Amino acid sequence: MEDVMWKRSEELNKFYEKQQDEAGVQSIRFSPEVEKEYLRVAYESGWEEAMKLDPVNGAKLRKLIGGGY
């Protein structure tokens, strides 16, 4: 199931990128190092918010689905 979802996500990304290109929107591409740090900060800030809202279940959820980066 995860493979199907990943493939669909890639298809949608390509579709939206094409639409953006046609509309003249310029995409930003990060270097691999910057991308990794950007995603780490995004995931961590999301988990911080989840832990503020519900520390007990936030911790359980993070343990179940992983911590991201």
C-alpha atoms as a PDB file:
ATOM      1  CA  MET A   1       0.000   0.000   0.000  1.00  0.00           C
ATOM      2  CA  GLU A   2       2.805   2.398   0.855  1.00  0.00           C
ATOM      3  CA  ASP A   3       4.362   1.875  -2.592  1.00  0.00           C
ATOM      4  CA  VAL A   4       1.068   2.782  -4.263  1.00  0.00           C
ATOM      5  CA  MET A   5       0.737   5.910  -2.132  1.00  0.00           C
ATOM      6  CA  TRP A   6       4.345   6.923  -2.844  1.00  0.00           C
ATOM      7  CA  LYS A   7       3.856   6.446  -6.587  1.00  0.00           C
ATOM      8  CA  ARG A   8       0.647   8.485  -6.530  1.00  0.00           C
ATOM      9  CA  SER A   9       2.391  11.223  -4.578  1.00  0.00           C
ATOM     10  CA  GLU A  10       5.156  11.385  -7.184  1.00  0.00           C
ATOM     11  CA  GLU A  11       2.564  11.538  -9.984  1.00  0.00           C
ATOM     12  CA  LEU A  12       0.748  14.404  -8.283  1.00  0.00           C
ATOM     13  CA  ASN A  13       3.999  16.272  -7.685  1.00  0.00           C
ATOM     14  CA  LYS A  14       4.885  16.033 -11.380  1.00  0.00           C
ATOM     15  CA  PHE A  15       1.379  17.159 -12.350  1.00  0.00           C
ATOM     16  CA  TYR A  16       1.526  20.217 -10.077  1.00  0.00           C
ATOM     17  CA  GLU A  17       5.077  21.067 -11.110  1.00  0.00           C
ATOM     18  CA  LYS A  18       3.967  21.066 -14.753  1.00  0.00           C
ATOM     19  CA  GLN A  19       1.032  23.347 -13.926  1.00  0.00           C
ATOM     20  CA  GLN A  20       3.312  25.708 -12.042  1.00  0.00           C
ATOM     21  CA  ASP A  21       5.849  25.763 -14.886  1.00  0.00           C
ATOM     22  CA  GLU A  22       3.101  26.576 -17.382  1.00  0.00           C
ATOM     23  CA  ALA A  23       1.898  29.402 -15.119  1.00  0.00           C
ATOM     24  CA  GLY A  24       5.404  30.839 -14.889  1.00  0.00           C
ATOM     25  CA  VAL A  25       5.989  29.902 -11.251  1.00  0.00           C
ATOM     26  CA  GLN A  26       9.671  29.304 -10.539  1.00  0.00           C
ATOM     27  CA  SER A  27      10.543  26.447  -8.221  1.00  0.00           C
ATOM     28  CA  ILE A  28      13.292  26.610  -5.646  1.00  0.00           C
ATOM     29  CA  ARG A  29      15.623  23.639  -5.407  1.00  0.00           C
ATOM     30  CA  PHE A  30      17.651  23.200  -2.245  1.00  0.00           C
ATOM     31  CA  SER A  31      20.977  21.432  -2.116  1.00  0.00           C
ATOM     32  CA  PRO A  32      20.677  17.965  -0.556  1.00  0.00           C
ATOM     33  CA  GLU A  33      22.219  19.250   2.687  1.00  0.00           C
ATOM     34  CA  VAL A  34      19.860  22.222   2.959  1.00  0.00           C
ATOM     35  CA  GLU A  35      16.862  20.058   2.028  1.00  0.00           C
ATOM     36  CA  LYS A  36      17.718  17.581   4.779  1.00  0.00           C
ATOM     37  CA  GLU A  37      18.028  20.352   7.378  1.00  0.00           C
ATOM     38  CA  TYR A  38      14.832  22.071   6.183  1.00  0.00           C
ATOM     39  CA  LEU A  39      12.856  18.833   6.508  1.00  0.00           C
ATOM     40  CA  ARG A  40      14.388  18.074   9.911  1.00  0.00           C
ATOM     41  CA  VAL A  41      13.356  21.478  11.250  1.00  0.00           C
ATOM     42  CA  ALA A  42       9.859  21.148   9.744  1.00  0.00           C
ATOM     43  CA  TYR A  43       9.284  17.695  11.247  1.00  0.00           C
ATOM     44  CA  GLU A  44      10.682  18.677  14.633  1.00  0.00           C
ATOM     45  CA  SER A  45       8.513  21.790  14.853  1.00  0.00           C
ATOM     46  CA  GLY A  46       5.468  19.696  13.950  1.00  0.00           C
ATOM     47  CA  TRP A  47       6.246  17.167  16.665  1.00  0.00           C
ATOM     48  CA  GLU A  48       6.854  19.966  19.180  1.00  0.00           C
ATOM     49  CA  GLU A  49       3.355  21.271  18.476  1.00  0.00           C
ATOM     50  CA  ALA A  50       1.849  17.788  18.798  1.00  0.00           C
ATOM     51  CA  MET A  51       3.609  17.307  22.137  1.00  0.00           C
ATOM     52  CA  LYS A  52       2.303  20.661  23.415  1.00  0.00           C
ATOM     53  CA  LEU A  53      -1.255  19.719  22.465  1.00  0.00           C
ATOM     54  CA  ASP A  54      -1.127  16.214  23.938  1.00  0.00           C
ATOM     55  CA  PRO A  55       2.168  15.082  25.482  1.00  0.00           C
ATOM     56  CA  VAL A  56       1.029  11.529  26.248  1.00  0.00           C
ATOM     57  CA  ASN A  57      -0.572  10.667  22.928  1.00  0.00           C
ATOM     58  CA  GLY A  58       1.898  12.790  20.963  1.00  0.00           C
ATOM     59  CA  ALA A  59       4.734  10.652  22.305  1.00  0.00           C
ATOM     60  CA  LYS A  60       2.822   7.440  21.544  1.00  0.00           C
ATOM     61  CA  LEU A  61       2.050   8.601  18.016  1.00  0.00           C
ATOM     62  CA  ARG A  62       5.642   9.606  17.326  1.00  0.00           C
ATOM     63  CA  LYS A  63       6.833   6.211  18.548  1.00  0.00           C
ATOM     64  CA  LEU A  64       4.334   4.453  16.266  1.00  0.00           C
ATOM     65  CA  ILE A  65       4.921   6.382  13.050  1.00  0.00           C
ATOM     66  CA  GLY A  66       8.486   7.529  13.518  1.00  0.00           C
ATOM     67  CA  GLY A  67      10.177  10.763  14.208  1.00  0.00           C
ATOM     68  CA  GLY A  68      10.863  11.919  10.692  1.00  0.00           C
ATOM     69  CA  TYR A  69      14.345  13.207  10.109  1.00  0.00           C
END
